[in-house]
Amino acid sequence: MIGVRVQAEPIDSVAAVAALTEGRDDVGAVVTFTGFVRADDDLIALTLEHYPAMTERALAAIAAEAEARWPVTGGSIVHRVGRMLPGEAIVLVAVASAHRSAAFDAAAFLMDWLKTKAPFWKSEERAGGATWVEAKASDDTAAARWN
């Protein structure tokens, strides 16, 4: 099962991966992706907002779709909310499977769908003030390959 967590605290990727492999001998591969706040021009901070129940339901549905498509033995989606500085982790996706191909594909799918289907609202704080981040067509294009 792919677990889902939304939290304000920093992400512990080592613990997340360890939880997928401890005491198991059926895991042949674990693929992880960690997304970070980029130091972009004059970016001071990135703030993510959400509605907890709505966001958790959406993330659980995305996880369930990945489980239906690939033979994963476990996984974890950890997404941060709140104010984050450049260099801090925003999201961790970790997928365990008996084989690397399924783990890679499921992790890529999860990230593509998180970028387009997860209800988070991003605000960039810069020297001139804060602005909301618009959705990117390139993210929609990447997610469309899974339809």
N, C-alpha and C. Protein backbone atom coordinates (compact mmCIF):
# COMPACT_ATOMS: atom_id res chain seq x y z
N MET A 1 0.84 -1.19 0.00
CA MET A 1 0.00 0.00 0.00
C MET A 1 0.89 1.25 0.00
N ILE A 2 0.47 2.24 -0.75
CA ILE A 2 1.19 3.51 -0.80
C ILE A 2 0.57 4.44 0.24
N GLY A 3 1.36 4.78 1.25
CA GLY A 3 0.88 5.66 2.30
C GLY A 3 0.97 7.11 1.87
N VAL A 4 0.13 7.94 2.47
CA VAL A 4 0.06 9.36 2.13
C VAL A 4 0.15 10.17 3.41
N ARG A 5 1.01 11.21 3.38
CA ARG A 5 1.13 12.13 4.52
C ARG A 5 1.28 13.55 4.00
N VAL A 6 0.56 14.47 4.61
CA VAL A 6 0.72 15.89 4.34
C VAL A 6 1.16 16.50 5.67
N GLN A 7 2.26 17.24 5.64
CA GLN A 7 2.83 17.72 6.90
C GLN A 7 3.57 19.03 6.71
N ALA A 8 3.71 19.78 7.78
CA ALA A 8 4.49 21.02 7.76
C ALA A 8 5.96 20.74 8.10
N GLU A 9 6.23 19.65 8.77
CA GLU A 9 7.58 19.32 9.22
C GLU A 9 8.46 18.88 8.05
N PRO A 10 9.78 19.02 8.21
CA PRO A 10 10.70 18.53 7.18
C PRO A 10 10.50 17.04 6.91
N ILE A 11 10.85 16.62 5.72
CA ILE A 11 10.67 15.24 5.28
C ILE A 11 11.90 14.42 5.65
N ASP A 12 11.67 13.25 6.25
CA ASP A 12 12.76 12.33 6.59
C ASP A 12 12.75 11.21 5.56
N SER A 13 13.48 11.40 4.47
CA SER A 13 13.47 10.43 3.37
C SER A 13 14.11 9.11 3.76
N VAL A 14 15.10 9.14 4.62
CA VAL A 14 15.75 7.89 5.06
C VAL A 14 14.76 7.01 5.81
N ALA A 15 13.99 7.59 6.70
CA ALA A 15 12.98 6.83 7.45
C ALA A 15 11.89 6.30 6.52
N ALA A 16 11.50 7.10 5.54
CA ALA A 16 10.45 6.67 4.60
C ALA A 16 10.89 5.45 3.80
N VAL A 17 12.12 5.45 3.33
CA VAL A 17 12.63 4.31 2.56
C VAL A 17 12.81 3.10 3.48
N ALA A 18 13.35 3.32 4.66
CA ALA A 18 13.53 2.21 5.60
C ALA A 18 12.21 1.52 5.92
N ALA A 19 11.15 2.29 6.05
CA ALA A 19 9.83 1.72 6.35
C ALA A 19 9.33 0.82 5.22
N LEU A 20 9.80 1.04 4.01
CA LEU A 20 9.36 0.23 2.87
C LEU A 20 10.12 -1.08 2.75
N THR A 21 11.27 -1.18 3.40
CA THR A 21 12.12 -2.35 3.20
C THR A 21 12.36 -3.18 4.46
N GLU A 22 12.14 -2.62 5.62
CA GLU A 22 12.43 -3.34 6.87
C GLU A 22 11.63 -4.64 6.97
N GLY A 23 12.36 -5.72 7.22
CA GLY A 23 11.74 -7.02 7.44
C GLY A 23 11.10 -7.62 6.20
N ARG A 24 11.44 -7.12 5.04
CA ARG A 24 10.83 -7.63 3.81
C ARG A 24 11.91 -8.23 2.92
N ASP A 25 11.56 -9.32 2.25
CA ASP A 25 12.49 -9.91 1.29
C ASP A 25 11.89 -9.95 -0.12
N ASP A 26 10.72 -9.30 -0.29
CA ASP A 26 10.07 -9.29 -1.60
C ASP A 26 10.33 -7.98 -2.37
N VAL A 27 11.12 -7.09 -1.79
CA VAL A 27 11.42 -5.81 -2.43
C VAL A 27 12.71 -5.95 -3.23
N GLY A 28 12.62 -5.73 -4.54
CA GLY A 28 13.80 -5.78 -5.38
C GLY A 28 14.30 -4.40 -5.77
N ALA A 29 13.44 -3.40 -5.59
CA ALA A 29 13.82 -2.04 -5.99
C ALA A 29 13.00 -1.03 -5.20
N VAL A 30 13.64 0.07 -4.87
CA VAL A 30 12.95 1.23 -4.31
C VAL A 30 13.41 2.44 -5.13
N VAL A 31 12.46 3.15 -5.68
CA VAL A 31 12.74 4.36 -6.44
C VAL A 31 12.20 5.53 -5.64
N THR A 32 13.03 6.55 -5.49
CA THR A 32 12.60 7.74 -4.76
C THR A 32 12.77 8.98 -5.61
N PHE A 33 11.90 9.93 -5.36
CA PHE A 33 12.03 11.25 -5.96
C PHE A 33 11.79 12.25 -4.84
N THR A 34 12.67 13.23 -4.72
CA THR A 34 12.48 14.31 -3.77
C THR A 34 12.51 15.62 -4.55
N GLY A 35 11.46 16.41 -4.39
CA GLY A 35 11.40 17.72 -5.02
C GLY A 35 11.76 18.79 -4.01
N PHE A 36 12.53 19.78 -4.44
CA PHE A 36 13.02 20.84 -3.56
C PHE A 36 12.57 22.21 -4.04
N VAL A 37 12.54 23.16 -3.14
CA VAL A 37 12.32 24.56 -3.50
C VAL A 37 13.59 25.04 -4.17
N ARG A 38 13.47 25.49 -5.42
CA ARG A 38 14.64 25.99 -6.16
C ARG A 38 14.94 27.43 -5.79
N ALA A 39 16.21 27.75 -5.72
CA ALA A 39 16.64 29.14 -5.56
C ALA A 39 16.51 29.78 -6.93
N ASP A 40 15.42 30.44 -7.17
CA ASP A 40 15.08 30.99 -8.48
C ASP A 40 15.05 32.52 -8.40
N ASP A 41 16.00 33.16 -9.08
CA ASP A 41 16.07 34.62 -9.09
C ASP A 41 16.02 35.18 -7.68
N ASP A 42 14.98 35.91 -7.38
CA ASP A 42 14.88 36.57 -6.07
C ASP A 42 13.88 35.88 -5.14
N LEU A 43 13.66 34.57 -5.35
CA LEU A 43 12.71 33.85 -4.51
C LEU A 43 13.18 33.83 -3.06
N ILE A 44 12.30 34.25 -2.17
CA ILE A 44 12.59 34.24 -0.73
C ILE A 44 12.03 32.97 -0.10
N ALA A 45 10.79 32.63 -0.46
CA ALA A 45 10.14 31.45 0.11
C ALA A 45 8.99 31.01 -0.78
N LEU A 46 8.57 29.77 -0.61
CA LEU A 46 7.42 29.20 -1.29
C LEU A 46 6.46 28.74 -0.21
N THR A 47 5.20 29.10 -0.34
CA THR A 47 4.19 28.67 0.63
C THR A 47 3.15 27.82 -0.08
N LEU A 48 2.87 26.64 0.47
CA LEU A 48 1.83 25.76 -0.07
C LEU A 48 0.68 25.73 0.91
N GLU A 49 -0.52 25.92 0.38
CA GLU A 49 -1.74 25.85 1.17
C GLU A 49 -2.60 24.72 0.64
N HIS A 50 -3.49 24.23 1.50
CA HIS A 50 -4.39 23.13 1.11
C HIS A 50 -5.58 23.07 2.04
N TYR A 51 -6.59 22.29 1.63
CA TYR A 51 -7.71 21.92 2.50
C TYR A 51 -7.45 20.47 2.89
N PRO A 52 -7.12 20.21 4.16
CA PRO A 52 -6.63 18.88 4.55
C PRO A 52 -7.45 17.68 4.06
N ALA A 53 -8.73 17.64 4.34
CA ALA A 53 -9.51 16.45 3.96
C ALA A 53 -9.55 16.28 2.44
N MET A 54 -9.72 17.36 1.72
CA MET A 54 -9.77 17.30 0.26
C MET A 54 -8.43 16.84 -0.30
N THR A 55 -7.34 17.39 0.20
CA THR A 55 -6.01 17.05 -0.30
C THR A 55 -5.68 15.59 0.00
N GLU A 56 -5.95 15.14 1.21
CA GLU A 56 -5.63 13.76 1.57
C GLU A 56 -6.43 12.77 0.74
N ARG A 57 -7.70 13.08 0.46
CA ARG A 57 -8.52 12.20 -0.39
C ARG A 57 -7.94 12.15 -1.80
N ALA A 58 -7.53 13.30 -2.33
CA ALA A 58 -6.96 13.34 -3.68
C ALA A 58 -5.66 12.56 -3.76
N LEU A 59 -4.79 12.71 -2.76
CA LEU A 59 -3.52 11.97 -2.75
C LEU A 59 -3.77 10.48 -2.63
N ALA A 60 -4.74 10.08 -1.81
CA ALA A 60 -5.06 8.67 -1.65
C ALA A 60 -5.59 8.09 -2.97
N ALA A 61 -6.37 8.87 -3.71
CA ALA A 61 -6.89 8.40 -5.00
C ALA A 61 -5.75 8.24 -6.01
N ILE A 62 -4.81 9.16 -6.01
CA ILE A 62 -3.65 9.06 -6.90
C ILE A 62 -2.82 7.82 -6.54
N ALA A 63 -2.61 7.59 -5.25
CA ALA A 63 -1.87 6.40 -4.80
C ALA A 63 -2.60 5.13 -5.21
N ALA A 64 -3.91 5.09 -5.05
CA ALA A 64 -4.70 3.91 -5.42
C ALA A 64 -4.60 3.64 -6.92
N GLU A 65 -4.58 4.69 -7.72
CA GLU A 65 -4.44 4.52 -9.18
C GLU A 65 -3.09 3.89 -9.51
N ALA A 66 -2.03 4.33 -8.86
CA ALA A 66 -0.71 3.74 -9.10
C ALA A 66 -0.70 2.26 -8.69
N GLU A 67 -1.32 1.95 -7.54
CA GLU A 67 -1.38 0.57 -7.09
C GLU A 67 -2.15 -0.31 -8.05
N ALA A 68 -3.16 0.24 -8.72
CA ALA A 68 -3.94 -0.53 -9.68
C ALA A 68 -3.17 -0.77 -10.97
N ARG A 69 -2.25 0.13 -11.30
CA ARG A 69 -1.52 0.02 -12.56
C ARG A 69 -0.23 -0.79 -12.47
N TRP A 70 0.43 -0.79 -11.31
CA TRP A 70 1.73 -1.45 -11.18
C TRP A 70 1.77 -2.35 -9.96
N PRO A 71 2.57 -3.43 -10.02
CA PRO A 71 2.68 -4.35 -8.87
C PRO A 71 3.68 -3.81 -7.83
N VAL A 72 3.24 -2.80 -7.10
CA VAL A 72 4.11 -2.23 -6.06
C VAL A 72 3.91 -2.99 -4.76
N THR A 73 4.97 -3.07 -3.98
CA THR A 73 4.89 -3.74 -2.68
C THR A 73 4.69 -2.74 -1.55
N GLY A 74 4.82 -1.46 -1.87
CA GLY A 74 4.61 -0.40 -0.89
C GLY A 74 5.07 0.92 -1.45
N GLY A 75 4.78 1.95 -0.72
CA GLY A 75 5.21 3.26 -1.18
C GLY A 75 4.83 4.33 -0.18
N SER A 76 5.28 5.52 -0.49
CA SER A 76 5.01 6.65 0.40
C SER A 76 4.98 7.94 -0.42
N ILE A 77 3.96 8.74 -0.17
CA ILE A 77 3.90 10.10 -0.67
C ILE A 77 3.90 10.99 0.56
N VAL A 78 4.90 11.85 0.67
CA VAL A 78 4.96 12.81 1.76
C VAL A 78 5.04 14.19 1.12
N HIS A 79 4.05 15.02 1.39
CA HIS A 79 4.00 16.36 0.79
C HIS A 79 3.95 17.40 1.90
N ARG A 80 4.81 18.38 1.78
CA ARG A 80 4.83 19.44 2.78
C ARG A 80 3.86 20.55 2.42
N VAL A 81 3.43 21.25 3.45
CA VAL A 81 2.62 22.46 3.31
C VAL A 81 3.23 23.51 4.23
N GLY A 82 2.82 24.75 4.00
CA GLY A 82 3.35 25.84 4.81
C GLY A 82 4.47 26.55 4.06
N ARG A 83 5.22 27.35 4.79
CA ARG A 83 6.28 28.17 4.21
C ARG A 83 7.60 27.40 4.19
N MET A 84 8.23 27.37 3.00
CA MET A 84 9.50 26.66 2.82
C MET A 84 10.51 27.58 2.13
N LEU A 85 11.74 27.41 2.49
CA LEU A 85 12.83 28.21 1.94
C LEU A 85 13.54 27.45 0.82
N PRO A 86 14.23 28.16 -0.08
CA PRO A 86 15.01 27.47 -1.11
C PRO A 86 15.94 26.42 -0.49
N GLY A 87 15.97 25.26 -1.14
CA GLY A 87 16.78 24.16 -0.65
C GLY A 87 16.02 23.16 0.20
N GLU A 88 14.83 23.52 0.68
CA GLU A 88 14.04 22.60 1.49
C GLU A 88 13.23 21.67 0.60
N ALA A 89 13.02 20.43 1.08
CA ALA A 89 12.23 19.45 0.34
C ALA A 89 10.75 19.80 0.44
N ILE A 90 10.06 19.69 -0.70
CA ILE A 90 8.62 19.91 -0.78
C ILE A 90 7.88 18.57 -0.77
N VAL A 91 8.40 17.60 -1.53
CA VAL A 91 7.68 16.35 -1.73
C VAL A 91 8.66 15.19 -1.83
N LEU A 92 8.22 14.06 -1.29
CA LEU A 92 8.94 12.80 -1.43
C LEU A 92 7.97 11.76 -1.97
N VAL A 93 8.38 11.08 -3.02
CA VAL A 93 7.66 9.92 -3.52
C VAL A 93 8.65 8.77 -3.47
N ALA A 94 8.27 7.70 -2.81
CA ALA A 94 9.10 6.49 -2.73
C ALA A 94 8.21 5.30 -3.08
N VAL A 95 8.69 4.46 -3.99
CA VAL A 95 7.91 3.30 -4.42
C VAL A 95 8.79 2.06 -4.37
N ALA A 96 8.27 1.02 -3.73
CA ALA A 96 8.95 -0.27 -3.66
C ALA A 96 8.21 -1.27 -4.53
N SER A 97 8.98 -2.13 -5.17
CA SER A 97 8.41 -3.17 -6.02
C SER A 97 9.41 -4.31 -6.12
N ALA A 98 8.95 -5.44 -6.62
CA ALA A 98 9.85 -6.56 -6.83
C ALA A 98 10.84 -6.26 -7.97
N HIS A 99 10.42 -5.39 -8.89
CA HIS A 99 11.24 -5.10 -10.07
C HIS A 99 11.35 -3.60 -10.31
N ARG A 100 12.50 -3.18 -10.82
CA ARG A 100 12.78 -1.75 -10.97
C ARG A 100 11.84 -1.05 -11.94
N SER A 101 11.45 -1.70 -13.00
CA SER A 101 10.61 -1.06 -14.01
C SER A 101 9.30 -0.56 -13.40
N ALA A 102 8.65 -1.40 -12.63
CA ALA A 102 7.39 -1.01 -12.00
C ALA A 102 7.61 0.12 -11.01
N ALA A 103 8.71 0.07 -10.26
CA ALA A 103 8.99 1.12 -9.29
C ALA A 103 9.25 2.46 -9.99
N PHE A 104 10.04 2.44 -11.07
CA PHE A 104 10.30 3.68 -11.81
C PHE A 104 9.01 4.25 -12.41
N ASP A 105 8.24 3.39 -13.07
CA ASP A 105 7.01 3.87 -13.71
C ASP A 105 6.01 4.40 -12.69
N ALA A 106 5.83 3.70 -11.60
CA ALA A 106 4.87 4.15 -10.59
C ALA A 106 5.31 5.47 -9.97
N ALA A 107 6.61 5.62 -9.72
CA ALA A 107 7.10 6.88 -9.14
C ALA A 107 6.92 8.05 -10.11
N ALA A 108 7.21 7.82 -11.39
CA ALA A 108 7.02 8.89 -12.38
C ALA A 108 5.55 9.26 -12.51
N PHE A 109 4.69 8.26 -12.54
CA PHE A 109 3.25 8.50 -12.60
C PHE A 109 2.79 9.32 -11.40
N LEU A 110 3.21 8.91 -10.21
CA LEU A 110 2.80 9.62 -9.00
C LEU A 110 3.20 11.09 -9.06
N MET A 111 4.42 11.38 -9.45
CA MET A 111 4.86 12.77 -9.52
C MET A 111 4.09 13.55 -10.58
N ASP A 112 3.90 12.94 -11.75
CA ASP A 112 3.16 13.64 -12.80
C ASP A 112 1.73 13.97 -12.36
N TRP A 113 1.09 13.03 -11.71
CA TRP A 113 -0.29 13.28 -11.28
C TRP A 113 -0.35 14.18 -10.06
N LEU A 114 0.65 14.11 -9.18
CA LEU A 114 0.67 15.05 -8.05
C LEU A 114 0.76 16.49 -8.56
N LYS A 115 1.57 16.70 -9.58
CA LYS A 115 1.76 18.05 -10.12
C LYS A 115 0.47 18.61 -10.74
N THR A 116 -0.41 17.73 -11.23
CA THR A 116 -1.59 18.21 -11.95
C THR A 116 -2.92 17.96 -11.25
N LYS A 117 -2.99 16.99 -10.36
CA LYS A 117 -4.27 16.61 -9.76
C LYS A 117 -4.36 16.85 -8.25
N ALA A 118 -3.25 17.11 -7.61
CA ALA A 118 -3.27 17.32 -6.16
C ALA A 118 -3.65 18.77 -5.86
N PRO A 119 -4.63 18.97 -4.99
CA PRO A 119 -5.11 20.33 -4.70
C PRO A 119 -4.23 21.07 -3.68
N PHE A 120 -3.15 21.63 -4.20
CA PHE A 120 -2.28 22.51 -3.43
C PHE A 120 -2.27 23.87 -4.13
N TRP A 121 -2.14 24.92 -3.35
CA TRP A 121 -2.04 26.26 -3.91
C TRP A 121 -0.69 26.82 -3.48
N LYS A 122 0.10 27.28 -4.48
CA LYS A 122 1.46 27.74 -4.22
C LYS A 122 1.54 29.25 -4.36
N SER A 123 2.25 29.85 -3.42
CA SER A 123 2.51 31.28 -3.46
C SER A 123 4.02 31.48 -3.36
N GLU A 124 4.56 32.29 -4.28
CA GLU A 124 5.98 32.61 -4.24
C GLU A 124 6.17 33.98 -3.60
N GLU A 125 7.04 34.00 -2.62
CA GLU A 125 7.38 35.24 -1.92
C GLU A 125 8.68 35.78 -2.50
N ARG A 126 8.62 37.00 -3.01
CA ARG A 126 9.79 37.65 -3.59
C ARG A 126 9.92 39.04 -2.97
N ALA A 127 11.01 39.71 -3.27
CA ALA A 127 11.26 41.05 -2.70
C ALA A 127 10.10 42.00 -2.99
N GLY A 128 9.45 41.86 -4.13
CA GLY A 128 8.35 42.75 -4.51
C GLY A 128 6.99 42.33 -3.98
N GLY A 129 6.91 41.20 -3.26
CA GLY A 129 5.64 40.72 -2.72
C GLY A 129 5.40 39.27 -3.10
N ALA A 130 4.23 38.79 -2.76
CA ALA A 130 3.87 37.40 -3.01
C ALA A 130 2.90 37.31 -4.18
N THR A 131 3.05 36.24 -4.99
CA THR A 131 2.14 35.98 -6.10
C THR A 131 1.81 34.49 -6.13
N TRP A 132 0.59 34.18 -6.60
CA TRP A 132 0.18 32.79 -6.75
C TRP A 132 0.83 32.21 -7.99
N VAL A 133 1.19 30.94 -7.92
CA VAL A 133 1.84 30.24 -9.03
C VAL A 133 0.76 29.61 -9.90
N GLU A 134 0.83 29.89 -11.19
CA GLU A 134 -0.12 29.32 -12.16
C GLU A 134 0.31 27.91 -12.55
N ALA A 135 -0.66 27.10 -12.96
CA ALA A 135 -0.37 25.76 -13.47
C ALA A 135 0.43 25.87 -14.76
N LYS A 136 1.26 24.87 -15.02
CA LYS A 136 2.12 24.88 -16.21
C LYS A 136 1.60 23.87 -17.24
N ALA A 137 1.56 24.29 -18.48
CA ALA A 137 1.14 23.41 -19.56
C ALA A 137 2.07 22.20 -19.67
N SER A 138 3.35 22.39 -19.38
CA SER A 138 4.30 21.28 -19.47
C SER A 138 3.98 20.18 -18.45
N ASP A 139 3.43 20.55 -17.29
CA ASP A 139 3.02 19.54 -16.31
C ASP A 139 1.82 18.74 -16.83
N ASP A 140 0.87 19.43 -17.47
CA ASP A 140 -0.28 18.75 -18.06
C ASP A 140 0.15 17.78 -19.17
N THR A 141 1.11 18.21 -19.97
CA THR A 141 1.63 17.37 -21.05
C THR A 141 2.28 16.10 -20.48
N ALA A 142 3.08 16.27 -19.43
CA ALA A 142 3.73 15.12 -18.81
C ALA A 142 2.71 14.16 -18.22
N ALA A 143 1.68 14.67 -17.57
CA ALA A 143 0.66 13.81 -16.96
C ALA A 143 -0.20 13.11 -17.99
N ALA A 144 -0.38 13.72 -19.16
CA ALA A 144 -1.23 13.15 -20.20
C ALA A 144 -0.71 11.82 -20.72
N ARG A 145 0.57 11.56 -20.59
CA ARG A 145 1.12 10.30 -21.10
C ARG A 145 0.56 9.09 -20.35
N TRP A 146 -0.02 9.31 -19.18
CA TRP A 146 -0.55 8.21 -18.39
C TRP A 146 -2.04 7.94 -18.66
N ASN A 147 -2.67 8.75 -19.52
CA ASN A 147 -4.10 8.56 -19.82
C ASN A 147 -4.30 7.46 -20.83
